[in-house]
């Protein structure tokens, strides 16, 4: 009987002690109620309670919390089904609102994130869901934070983990990508072939230009050479004529020129007779006597002139 009474007394003391004192950890905040009404927020530390009057009604985690947003099917703007999941980071800013403003703020934040995510995915096309991920995260955070303000919750950030189209869409996208790669390969090949043709034509054009320039320069050089030759011949001929004219002005010069012409005539005539198979005589040879008499006269005259000079 004694031991039973002692055990009962110990249990009563333990019950009173646990109801009389409470230790709030540094990472949390406790809501104290007195007779069923809100009394105050208990900050981290050691606190006294009135047994049977006060009680710790709610304990709220004040650190940042990470909530997993389950995967769900969303419809994009171009009517494509995609499975999207994510993570939402929240923090309790007001323990009173988080306790009395909503029954379960964590479930509410997850459901609100899912609803907002479906709405944001429905505003963009499938291609934009991958490139506009950062913008979607910002929009979801803004919308959730606005709705969660009465709950005393601050939405810090939202991260989309995966965006998975259906298997049919994946197959279609792979075929489209393969077709796009083949298209780029064909374009690259045709561009290379076109550039090769252009290079060949430009090379041929350059070669023709160089050849024409070389031919033109050759003709110019030949023309200059011929012009120089003609000029030299003309100069030599002019000098010869000038000297002949000067010689003819001297005594016996005219006779010497005539004698030279007769000798040249006889020489050329002999060459024609040797090379020709047909005997052709000019009309002047009809009177050979006159021709030779003229030659004798020229010779005698030359002799007399030479003797007179002595």
C-alpha atoms as a PDB file:
ATOM      1  CA  UNK A   1       0.000   0.000   0.000  1.00  0.00           C
ATOM      2  CA  UNK A   2       2.870   2.338   0.794  1.00  0.00           C
ATOM      3  CA  UNK A   3       4.637   1.705  -2.440  1.00  0.00           C
ATOM      4  CA  UNK A   4       1.435   2.181  -4.369  1.00  0.00           C
ATOM      5  CA  UNK A   5       0.812   5.538  -2.737  1.00  0.00           C
ATOM      6  CA  UNK A   6       4.428   6.558  -3.363  1.00  0.00           C
ATOM      7  CA  UNK A   7       4.177   5.637  -7.028  1.00  0.00           C
ATOM      8  CA  UNK A   8       0.949   7.580  -7.386  1.00  0.00           C
ATOM      9  CA  UNK A   9       2.550  10.599  -5.691  1.00  0.00           C
ATOM     10  CA  UNK A  10       5.532  10.457  -8.038  1.00  0.00           C
ATOM     11  CA  UNK A  11       3.278  10.288 -11.072  1.00  0.00           C
ATOM     12  CA  UNK A  12       1.302  13.296  -9.840  1.00  0.00           C
ATOM     13  CA  UNK A  13       4.524  15.267  -9.285  1.00  0.00           C
ATOM     14  CA  UNK A  14       5.778  14.334 -12.761  1.00  0.00           C
ATOM     15  CA  UNK A  15       2.491  15.391 -14.293  1.00  0.00           C
ATOM     16  CA  UNK A  16       2.548  18.693 -12.432  1.00  0.00           C
ATOM     17  CA  UNK A  17       6.234  19.260 -13.255  1.00  0.00           C
ATOM     18  CA  UNK A  18       5.737  18.634 -16.965  1.00  0.00           C
ATOM     19  CA  UNK A  19       2.761  20.946 -16.968  1.00  0.00           C
ATOM     20  CA  UNK A  20       4.557  23.563 -14.905  1.00  0.00           C
ATOM     21  CA  UNK A  21       7.741  23.933 -16.939  1.00  0.00           C
ATOM     22  CA  UNK A  22       8.511  23.881 -20.655  1.00  0.00           C
ATOM     23  CA  UNK A  23      11.779  24.250 -22.566  1.00  0.00           C
ATOM     24  CA  UNK A  24      11.516  25.767 -26.031  1.00  0.00           C
ATOM     25  CA  UNK A  25      14.395  24.907 -28.360  1.00  0.00           C
ATOM     26  CA  UNK A  26      16.243  27.550 -30.319  1.00  0.00           C
ATOM     27  CA  UNK A  27      14.901  26.385 -33.722  1.00  0.00           C
ATOM     28  CA  UNK A  28      11.207  26.566 -32.798  1.00  0.00           C
ATOM     29  CA  UNK A  29       8.494  28.732 -31.335  1.00  0.00           C
ATOM     30  CA  UNK A  30       5.592  27.520 -29.155  1.00  0.00           C
ATOM     31  CA  UNK A  31       2.054  28.924 -28.916  1.00  0.00           C
ATOM     32  CA  UNK A  32       0.810  29.128 -25.306  1.00  0.00           C
ATOM     33  CA  UNK A  33      -2.938  28.905 -24.629  1.00  0.00           C
ATOM     34  CA  UNK A  34      -4.692  29.634 -21.357  1.00  0.00           C
ATOM     35  CA  UNK A  35      -8.099  28.094 -20.875  1.00  0.00           C
ATOM     36  CA  UNK A  36      -8.304  27.499 -24.609  1.00  0.00           C
ATOM     37  CA  UNK A  37      -7.399  31.044 -25.628  1.00  0.00           C
ATOM     38  CA  UNK A  38      -4.185  32.380 -27.128  1.00  0.00           C
ATOM     39  CA  UNK A  39      -1.882  33.682 -24.437  1.00  0.00           C
ATOM     40  CA  UNK A  40       1.477  34.407 -26.067  1.00  0.00           C
ATOM     41  CA  UNK A  41       4.331  33.068 -28.198  1.00  0.00           C
ATOM     42  CA  UNK A  42       6.990  31.278 -26.219  1.00  0.00           C
ATOM     43  CA  UNK A  43      10.442  32.071 -27.534  1.00  0.00           C
ATOM     44  CA  UNK A  44      13.404  29.693 -27.138  1.00  0.00           C
ATOM     45  CA  UNK A  45      14.281  29.193 -23.493  1.00  0.00           C
ATOM     46  CA  UNK A  46      12.782  28.026 -20.147  1.00  0.00           C
ATOM     47  CA  UNK A  47       9.136  28.969 -19.350  1.00  0.00           C
ATOM     48  CA  UNK A  48       6.647  28.424 -16.467  1.00  0.00           C
ATOM     49  CA  UNK A  49       3.063  27.296 -17.037  1.00  0.00           C
ATOM     50  CA  UNK A  50       0.071  27.134 -14.735  1.00  0.00           C
ATOM     51  CA  UNK A  51      -0.999  23.521 -14.546  1.00  0.00           C
ATOM     52  CA  UNK A  52      -4.501  22.787 -15.788  1.00  0.00           C
ATOM     53  CA  UNK A  53      -4.787  26.381 -17.084  1.00  0.00           C
ATOM     54  CA  UNK A  54      -1.923  26.767 -19.566  1.00  0.00           C
ATOM     55  CA  UNK A  55      -0.826  24.387 -22.260  1.00  0.00           C
ATOM     56  CA  UNK A  56       1.590  24.455 -25.263  1.00  0.00           C
ATOM     57  CA  UNK A  57      -0.941  24.318 -28.108  1.00  0.00           C
ATOM     58  CA  UNK A  58       1.358  24.465 -31.210  1.00  0.00           C
ATOM     59  CA  UNK A  59       5.049  24.102 -31.873  1.00  0.00           C
ATOM     60  CA  UNK A  60       6.236  25.701 -35.114  1.00  0.00           C
ATOM     61  CA  UNK A  61       9.537  25.097 -36.905  1.00  0.00           C
ATOM     62  CA  UNK A  62      11.159  28.477 -37.526  1.00  0.00           C
ATOM     63  CA  UNK A  63      13.926  27.241 -39.834  1.00  0.00           C
ATOM     64  CA  UNK A  64      13.677  27.141 -43.605  1.00  0.00           C
ATOM     65  CA  UNK A  65      11.751  24.087 -44.772  1.00  0.00           C
ATOM     66  CA  UNK A  66      11.947  22.206 -48.050  1.00  0.00           C
ATOM     67  CA  UNK A  67       8.703  20.681 -49.308  1.00  0.00           C
ATOM     68  CA  UNK A  68       8.572  18.227 -52.152  1.00  0.00           C
ATOM     69  CA  UNK A  69       5.938  19.032 -54.787  1.00  0.00           C
ATOM     70  CA  UNK A  70       4.768  15.698 -56.270  1.00  0.00           C
ATOM     71  CA  UNK A  71       4.824  15.160 -60.026  1.00  0.00           C
ATOM     72  CA  UNK A  72       1.649  16.118 -61.856  1.00  0.00           C
ATOM     73  CA  UNK A  73       0.461  16.252 -65.453  1.00  0.00           C
ATOM     74  CA  UNK A  74       0.196  19.717 -66.980  1.00  0.00           C
ATOM     75  CA  UNK A  75      -1.038  20.860 -70.408  1.00  0.00           C
ATOM     76  CA  UNK A  76       1.135  23.358 -72.274  1.00  0.00           C
ATOM     77  CA  UNK A  77      -0.127  26.159 -74.492  1.00  0.00           C
ATOM     78  CA  UNK A  78       0.276  23.943 -77.566  1.00  0.00           C
ATOM     79  CA  UNK A  79      -1.765  21.119 -75.926  1.00  0.00           C
ATOM     80  CA  UNK A  80       1.161  18.870 -74.994  1.00  0.00           C
ATOM     81  CA  UNK A  81       1.054  16.809 -71.800  1.00  0.00           C
ATOM     82  CA  UNK A  82       4.117  17.083 -69.568  1.00  0.00           C
ATOM     83  CA  UNK A  83       4.826  15.718 -66.095  1.00  0.00           C
ATOM     84  CA  UNK A  84       6.283  18.408 -63.817  1.00  0.00           C
ATOM     85  CA  UNK A  85       7.555  18.208 -60.246  1.00  0.00           C
ATOM     86  CA  UNK A  86       9.511  20.563 -58.053  1.00  0.00           C
ATOM     87  CA  UNK A  87      10.655  21.795 -54.659  1.00  0.00           C
ATOM     88  CA  UNK A  88       9.285  24.733 -52.682  1.00  0.00           C
ATOM     89  CA  UNK A  89      11.303  26.440 -49.945  1.00  0.00           C
ATOM     90  CA  UNK A  90       9.276  28.136 -47.210  1.00  0.00           C
ATOM     91  CA  UNK A  91       9.851  29.688 -43.791  1.00  0.00           C
ATOM     92  CA  UNK A  92       7.428  30.450 -40.928  1.00  0.00           C
ATOM     93  CA  UNK A  93       7.580  34.167 -40.253  1.00  0.00           C
ATOM     94  CA  UNK A  94       4.628  34.422 -37.827  1.00  0.00           C
ATOM     95  CA  UNK A  95       3.899  31.406 -35.612  1.00  0.00           C
ATOM     96  CA  UNK A  96       0.520  32.838 -34.583  1.00  0.00           C
ATOM     97  CA  UNK A  97      -0.762  33.083 -38.196  1.00  0.00           C
ATOM     98  CA  UNK A  98       0.736  29.696 -39.065  1.00  0.00           C
ATOM     99  CA  UNK A  99      -1.185  28.165 -36.149  1.00  0.00           C
ATOM    100  CA  UNK A 100      -4.532  29.933 -36.366  1.00  0.00           C
ATOM    101  CA  UNK A 101      -4.567  31.169 -39.968  1.00  0.00           C
ATOM    102  CA  UNK A 102      -4.577  27.687 -41.522  1.00  0.00           C
ATOM    103  CA  UNK A 103      -4.741  24.135 -40.253  1.00  0.00           C
ATOM    104  CA  UNK A 104      -1.775  22.715 -42.229  1.00  0.00           C
ATOM    105  CA  UNK A 105       0.420  25.311 -43.901  1.00  0.00           C
ATOM    106  CA  UNK A 106       2.769  22.715 -45.405  1.00  0.00           C
ATOM    107  CA  UNK A 107       0.028  20.884 -47.305  1.00  0.00           C
ATOM    108  CA  UNK A 108      -1.480  24.211 -48.321  1.00  0.00           C
ATOM    109  CA  UNK A 109       1.885  25.435 -49.704  1.00  0.00           C
ATOM    110  CA  UNK A 110       2.367  22.206 -51.716  1.00  0.00           C
ATOM    111  CA  UNK A 111      -1.150  22.292 -53.173  1.00  0.00           C
ATOM    112  CA  UNK A 112      -0.836  25.972 -54.009  1.00  0.00           C
ATOM    113  CA  UNK A 113       2.508  25.292 -55.701  1.00  0.00           C
ATOM    114  CA  UNK A 114       0.922  22.563 -57.832  1.00  0.00           C
ATOM    115  CA  UNK A 115      -1.979  24.783 -58.844  1.00  0.00           C
ATOM    116  CA  UNK A 116       0.270  27.711 -59.705  1.00  0.00           C
ATOM    117  CA  UNK A 117       2.641  25.433 -61.612  1.00  0.00           C
ATOM    118  CA  UNK A 118      -0.197  24.090 -63.780  1.00  0.00           C
ATOM    119  CA  UNK A 119      -1.295  27.633 -64.513  1.00  0.00           C
ATOM    120  CA  UNK A 120       2.216  28.785 -65.484  1.00  0.00           C
ATOM    121  CA  UNK A 121       2.882  25.743 -67.702  1.00  0.00           C
ATOM    122  CA  UNK A 122      -0.397  26.377 -69.516  1.00  0.00           C
ATOM    123  CA  UNK A 123       0.812  29.847 -70.548  1.00  0.00           C
ATOM    124  CA  UNK A 124       3.829  28.681 -72.567  1.00  0.00           C
ATOM    125  CA  UNK A 125       4.611  26.141 -75.288  1.00  0.00           C
ATOM    126  CA  UNK A 126       6.581  22.939 -74.863  1.00  0.00           C
ATOM    127  CA  UNK A 127       9.766  24.426 -76.302  1.00  0.00           C
ATOM    128  CA  UNK A 128       9.557  27.374 -73.909  1.00  0.00           C
ATOM    129  CA  UNK A 129       9.137  25.160 -70.823  1.00  0.00           C
ATOM    130  CA  UNK A 130      12.837  24.333 -71.001  1.00  0.00           C
ATOM    131  CA  UNK A 131      14.178  27.775 -71.889  1.00  0.00           C
ATOM    132  CA  UNK A 132      11.806  29.730 -69.607  1.00  0.00           C
ATOM    133  CA  UNK A 133      12.350  27.630 -66.478  1.00  0.00           C
ATOM    134  CA  UNK A 134      13.873  30.473 -64.430  1.00  0.00           C
ATOM    135  CA  UNK A 135      11.035  32.798 -65.340  1.00  0.00           C
ATOM    136  CA  UNK A 136       8.473  30.146 -64.383  1.00  0.00           C
ATOM    137  CA  UNK A 137      10.156  29.679 -60.997  1.00  0.00           C
ATOM    138  CA  UNK A 138       9.991  33.410 -60.316  1.00  0.00           C
ATOM    139  CA  UNK A 139       6.314  33.606 -61.277  1.00  0.00           C
ATOM    140  CA  UNK A 140       5.410  30.613 -59.084  1.00  0.00           C
ATOM    141  CA  UNK A 141       7.258  32.095 -56.087  1.00  0.00           C
ATOM    142  CA  UNK A 142       5.518  35.421 -56.533  1.00  0.00           C
ATOM    143  CA  UNK A 143       2.044  33.876 -56.748  1.00  0.00           C
ATOM    144  CA  UNK A 144       2.521  31.479 -53.826  1.00  0.00           C
ATOM    145  CA  UNK A 145       4.057  34.141 -51.616  1.00  0.00           C
ATOM    146  CA  UNK A 146       1.135  36.464 -52.278  1.00  0.00           C
ATOM    147  CA  UNK A 147      -1.392  33.779 -51.316  1.00  0.00           C
ATOM    148  CA  UNK A 148       0.595  32.530 -48.291  1.00  0.00           C
ATOM    149  CA  UNK A 149       1.028  35.922 -46.654  1.00  0.00           C
ATOM    150  CA  UNK A 150      -2.132  35.545 -44.449  1.00  0.00           C
ATOM    151  CA  UNK A 151      -0.716  32.237 -43.176  1.00  0.00           C
ATOM    152  CA  UNK A 152       2.444  33.846 -41.838  1.00  0.00           C
ATOM    153  CA  UNK A 153       4.503  31.911 -44.407  1.00  0.00           C
ATOM    154  CA  UNK A 154       7.269  33.318 -46.571  1.00  0.00           C
ATOM    155  CA  UNK A 155       7.971  31.477 -49.854  1.00  0.00           C
ATOM    156  CA  UNK A 156      11.694  31.863 -50.458  1.00  0.00           C
ATOM    157  CA  UNK A 157      12.088  30.104 -53.820  1.00  0.00           C
ATOM    158  CA  UNK A 158      10.719  27.393 -56.058  1.00  0.00           C
ATOM    159  CA  UNK A 159      12.702  24.997 -58.228  1.00  0.00           C
ATOM    160  CA  UNK A 160      11.317  22.842 -61.037  1.00  0.00           C
ATOM    161  CA  UNK A 161      13.103  19.495 -60.830  1.00  0.00           C
ATOM    162  CA  UNK A 162      11.944  17.696 -63.946  1.00  0.00           C
ATOM    163  CA  UNK A 163       9.832  18.377 -67.014  1.00  0.00           C
ATOM    164  CA  UNK A 164       9.022  15.095 -68.731  1.00  0.00           C
ATOM    165  CA  UNK A 165       6.885  14.982 -71.885  1.00  0.00           C
ATOM    166  CA  UNK A 166       4.987  11.803 -72.733  1.00  0.00           C
ATOM    167  CA  UNK A 167       6.736   8.950 -74.546  1.00  0.00           C
ATOM    168  CA  UNK A 168       4.955   9.763 -77.815  1.00  0.00           C
ATOM    169  CA  UNK A 169       6.104  13.362 -77.633  1.00  0.00           C
ATOM    170  CA  UNK A 170       9.653  12.266 -76.830  1.00  0.00           C
ATOM    171  CA  UNK A 171       9.680   9.980 -79.897  1.00  0.00           C
ATOM    172  CA  UNK A 172       8.322  12.792 -82.051  1.00  0.00           C
ATOM    173  CA  UNK A 173      10.906  15.227 -80.717  1.00  0.00           C
ATOM    174  CA  UNK A 174      13.721  12.755 -81.377  1.00  0.00           C
ATOM    175  CA  UNK A 175      12.533  12.263 -84.963  1.00  0.00           C
ATOM    176  CA  UNK A 176      12.272  16.028 -85.385  1.00  0.00           C
ATOM    177  CA  UNK A 177      15.789  16.504 -84.029  1.00  0.00           C
ATOM    178  CA  UNK A 178      17.115  13.780 -86.349  1.00  0.00           C
ATOM    179  CA  UNK A 179      15.414  15.424 -89.318  1.00  0.00           C
ATOM    180  CA  UNK A 180      16.841  18.776 -88.268  1.00  0.00           C
ATOM    181  CA  UNK A 181      20.353  17.311 -88.031  1.00  0.00           C
ATOM    182  CA  UNK A 182      20.003  15.732 -91.479  1.00  0.00           C
ATOM    183  CA  UNK A 183      18.730  19.043 -92.838  1.00  0.00           C
ATOM    184  CA  UNK A 184      21.716  20.913 -91.395  1.00  0.00           C
ATOM    185  CA  UNK A 185      24.062  18.259 -92.799  1.00  0.00           C
ATOM    186  CA  UNK A 186      22.531  18.624 -96.277  1.00  0.00           C
ATOM    187  CA  UNK A 187      22.752  22.400 -96.052  1.00  0.00           C
ATOM    188  CA  UNK A 188      26.383  22.200 -94.953  1.00  0.00           C
ATOM    189  CA  UNK A 189      27.192  19.774 -97.788  1.00  0.00           C
ATOM    190  CA  UNK A 190      25.470  21.951-100.398  1.00  0.00           C
ATOM    191  CA  UNK A 191      27.179  25.061 -99.038  1.00  0.00           C
ATOM    192  CA  UNK A 192      30.538  23.316 -99.264  1.00  0.00           C
ATOM    193  CA  UNK A 193      29.838  22.171-102.831  1.00  0.00           C
ATOM    194  CA  UNK A 194      28.679  25.651-103.817  1.00  0.00           C
ATOM    195  CA  UNK A 195      31.749  27.242-102.253  1.00  0.00           C
ATOM    196  CA  UNK A 196      33.985  24.739-104.058  1.00  0.00           C
ATOM    197  CA  UNK A 197      32.354  25.632-107.384  1.00  0.00           C
ATOM    198  CA  UNK A 198      32.761  29.318-106.605  1.00  0.00           C
ATOM    199  CA  UNK A 199      36.428  28.802-105.744  1.00  0.00           C
ATOM    200  CA  UNK A 200      37.001  26.835-108.942  1.00  0.00           C
ATOM    201  CA  UNK A 201      35.286  29.465-111.089  1.00  0.00           C
ATOM    202  CA  UNK A 202      37.179  32.254-109.347  1.00  0.00           C
ATOM    203  CA  UNK A 203      40.432  30.356-109.862  1.00  0.00           C
ATOM    204  CA  UNK A 204      39.615  29.789-113.535  1.00  0.00           C
ATOM    205  CA  UNK A 205      38.682  33.440-113.934  1.00  0.00           C
ATOM    206  CA  UNK A 206      41.905  34.538-112.276  1.00  0.00           C
ATOM    207  CA  UNK A 207      43.890  32.159-114.490  1.00  0.00           C
ATOM    208  CA  UNK A 208      42.235  33.508-117.640  1.00  0.00           C
ATOM    209  CA  UNK A 209      42.869  37.071-116.517  1.00  0.00           C
ATOM    210  CA  UNK A 210      46.525  36.304-115.872  1.00  0.00           C
ATOM    211  CA  UNK A 211      46.858  34.543-119.239  1.00  0.00           C
ATOM    212  CA  UNK A 212      45.201  37.443-121.075  1.00  0.00           C
ATOM    213  CA  UNK A 213      47.386  39.902-119.191  1.00  0.00           C
ATOM    214  CA  UNK A 214      50.467  37.874-120.155  1.00  0.00           C
ATOM    215  CA  UNK A 215      49.357  37.729-123.812  1.00  0.00           C
ATOM    216  CA  UNK A 216      48.617  41.429-123.818  1.00  0.00           C
ATOM    217  CA  UNK A 217      52.000  42.189-122.302  1.00  0.00           C
ATOM    218  CA  UNK A 218      53.622  39.854-124.826  1.00  0.00           C
ATOM    219  CA  UNK A 219      51.906  41.630-127.725  1.00  0.00           C
ATOM    220  CA  UNK A 220      52.885  44.983-126.263  1.00  0.00           C
ATOM    221  CA  UNK A 221      56.490  43.859-125.955  1.00  0.00           C
ATOM    222  CA  UNK A 222      56.471  42.447-129.495  1.00  0.00           C
ATOM    223  CA  UNK A 223      54.899  45.634-130.836  1.00  0.00           C
ATOM    224  CA  UNK A 224      57.465  47.704-128.987  1.00  0.00           C
ATOM    225  CA  UNK A 225      60.219  45.466-130.393  1.00  0.00           C
ATOM    226  CA  UNK A 226      58.890  45.776-133.932  1.00  0.00           C
ATOM    227  CA  UNK A 227      58.439  49.495-133.511  1.00  0.00           C
ATOM    228  CA  UNK A 228      62.000  49.751-132.270  1.00  0.00           C
ATOM    229  CA  UNK A 229      63.232  47.606-135.150  1.00  0.00           C
ATOM    230  CA  UNK A 230      61.360  49.714-137.686  1.00  0.00           C
ATOM    231  CA  UNK A 231      62.662  52.816-135.987  1.00  0.00           C
ATOM    232  CA  UNK A 232      66.247  51.544-136.148  1.00  0.00           C
ATOM    233  CA  UNK A 233      65.845  50.404-139.766  1.00  0.00           C
ATOM    234  CA  UNK A 234      64.283  53.725-140.698  1.00  0.00           C
ATOM    235  CA  UNK A 235      67.056  55.576-138.896  1.00  0.00           C
ATOM    236  CA  UNK A 236      69.713  53.462-140.615  1.00  0.00           C
ATOM    237  CA  UNK A 237      68.005  53.902-143.987  1.00  0.00           C
ATOM    238  CA  UNK A 238      67.701  57.608-143.435  1.00  0.00           C
ATOM    239  CA  UNK A 239      71.348  57.787-142.451  1.00  0.00           C
ATOM    240  CA  UNK A 240      72.295  55.749-145.528  1.00  0.00           C
ATOM    241  CA  UNK A 241      70.242  57.921-147.818  1.00  0.00           C
ATOM    242  CA  UNK A 242      71.683  60.997-146.202  1.00  0.00           C
ATOM    243  CA  UNK A 243      75.206  59.738-146.736  1.00  0.00           C
ATOM    244  CA  UNK A 244      74.407  58.757-150.340  1.00  0.00           C
ATOM    245  CA  UNK A 245      72.995  62.206-150.921  1.00  0.00           C
ATOM    246  CA  UNK A 246      76.123  63.746-149.429  1.00  0.00           C
ATOM    247  CA  UNK A 247      78.284  61.471-151.596  1.00  0.00           C
ATOM    248  CA  UNK A 248      76.326  62.408-154.709  1.00  0.00           C
ATOM    249  CA  UNK A 249      77.045  66.083-154.071  1.00  0.00           C
ATOM    250  CA  UNK A 250      80.757  65.400-154.336  1.00  0.00           C
ATOM    251  CA  UNK A 251      82.622  65.146-157.718  1.00  0.00           C
ATOM    252  CA  UNK A 252      82.026  61.724-159.304  1.00  0.00           C
ATOM    253  CA  UNK A 253      79.416  60.841-156.690  1.00  0.00           C
ATOM    254  CA  UNK A 254      76.527  60.621-159.124  1.00  0.00           C
ATOM    255  CA  UNK A 255      78.512  58.305-161.429  1.00  0.00           C
ATOM    256  CA  UNK A 256      79.509  56.074-158.509  1.00  0.00           C
ATOM    257  CA  UNK A 257      75.864  55.676-157.480  1.00  0.00           C
ATOM    258  CA  UNK A 258      74.847  54.752-161.011  1.00  0.00           C
ATOM    259  CA  UNK A 259      77.680  52.224-161.245  1.00  0.00           C
ATOM    260  CA  UNK A 260      76.584  50.692-157.944  1.00  0.00           C
ATOM    261  CA  UNK A 261      73.000  50.405-159.159  1.00  0.00           C
ATOM    262  CA  UNK A 262      74.138  48.696-162.397  1.00  0.00           C
ATOM    263  CA  UNK A 263      76.211  46.183-160.430  1.00  0.00           C
ATOM    264  CA  UNK A 264      73.302  45.474-158.104  1.00  0.00           C
ATOM    265  CA  UNK A 265      70.960  45.067-161.054  1.00  0.00           C
ATOM    266  CA  UNK A 266      73.270  42.572-162.764  1.00  0.00           C
ATOM    267  CA  UNK A 267      73.702  40.633-159.502  1.00  0.00           C
ATOM    268  CA  UNK A 268      69.996  40.350-158.821  1.00  0.00           C
ATOM    269  CA  UNK A 269      69.230  39.457-162.429  1.00  0.00           C
ATOM    270  CA  UNK A 270      71.800  36.642-162.270  1.00  0.00           C
ATOM    271  CA  UNK A 271      70.176  35.264-159.128  1.00  0.00           C
ATOM    272  CA  UNK A 272      66.758  35.249-160.815  1.00  0.00           C
ATOM    273  CA  UNK A 273      68.108  33.367-163.838  1.00  0.00           C
ATOM    274  CA  UNK A 274      69.755  30.734-161.600  1.00  0.00           C
ATOM    275  CA  UNK A 275      66.639  29.971-159.544  1.00  0.00           C
ATOM    276  CA  UNK A 276      64.039  30.224-162.320  1.00  0.00           C
ATOM    277  CA  UNK A 277      63.164  27.213-164.553  1.00  0.00           C
ATOM    278  CA  UNK A 278      61.663  29.457-167.210  1.00  0.00           C
ATOM    279  CA  UNK A 279      63.750  32.008-169.026  1.00  0.00           C
ATOM    280  CA  UNK A 280      62.159  35.363-168.653  1.00  0.00           C
ATOM    281  CA  UNK A 281      63.874  38.414-170.141  1.00  0.00           C
ATOM    282  CA  UNK A 282      62.821  41.913-169.312  1.00  0.00           C
ATOM    283  CA  UNK A 283      62.015  44.316-172.177  1.00  0.00           C
ATOM    284  CA  UNK A 284      65.145  46.323-171.461  1.00  0.00           C
ATOM    285  CA  UNK A 285      67.324  43.413-172.596  1.00  0.00           C
ATOM    286  CA  UNK A 286      66.000  43.741-176.198  1.00  0.00           C
ATOM    287  CA  UNK A 287      68.707  46.262-176.907  1.00  0.00           C
ATOM    288  CA  UNK A 288      71.750  44.696-175.247  1.00  0.00           C
ATOM    289  CA  UNK A 289      74.086  46.741-177.408  1.00  0.00           C
ATOM    290  CA  UNK A 290      72.706  49.937-175.941  1.00  0.00           C
ATOM    291  CA  UNK A 291      73.021  48.467-172.446  1.00  0.00           C
ATOM    292  CA  UNK A 292      76.683  47.499-172.830  1.00  0.00           C
ATOM    293  CA  UNK A 293      77.517  50.742-174.597  1.00  0.00           C
ATOM    294  CA  UNK A 294      76.108  52.541-171.594  1.00  0.00           C
ATOM    295  CA  UNK A 295      78.282  50.423-169.325  1.00  0.00           C
ATOM    296  CA  UNK A 296      81.400  51.192-171.418  1.00  0.00           C
ATOM    297  CA  UNK A 297      80.587  54.876-171.374  1.00  0.00           C
ATOM    298  CA  UNK A 298      80.270  54.783-167.629  1.00  0.00           C
ATOM    299  CA  UNK A 299      83.572  52.963-167.337  1.00  0.00           C
ATOM    300  CA  UNK A 300      85.427  55.358-169.658  1.00  0.00           C
ATOM    301  CA  UNK A 301      83.983  58.323-167.897  1.00  0.00           C
ATOM    302  CA  UNK A 302      85.060  56.928-164.583  1.00  0.00           C
ATOM    303  CA  UNK A 303      88.580  56.365-165.961  1.00  0.00           C
ATOM    304  CA  UNK A 304      88.830  59.895-167.235  1.00  0.00           C
ATOM    305  CA  UNK A 305      87.612  61.274-164.007  1.00  0.00           C
ATOM    306  CA  UNK A 306      90.184  59.264-162.139  1.00  0.00           C
ATOM    307  CA  UNK A 307      92.970  60.384-164.445  1.00  0.00           C
ATOM    308  CA  UNK A 308      91.926  64.018-164.175  1.00  0.00           C
ATOM    309  CA  UNK A 309      91.973  63.688-160.441  1.00  0.00           C
ATOM    310  CA  UNK A 310      95.564  62.570-160.611  1.00  0.00           C
END
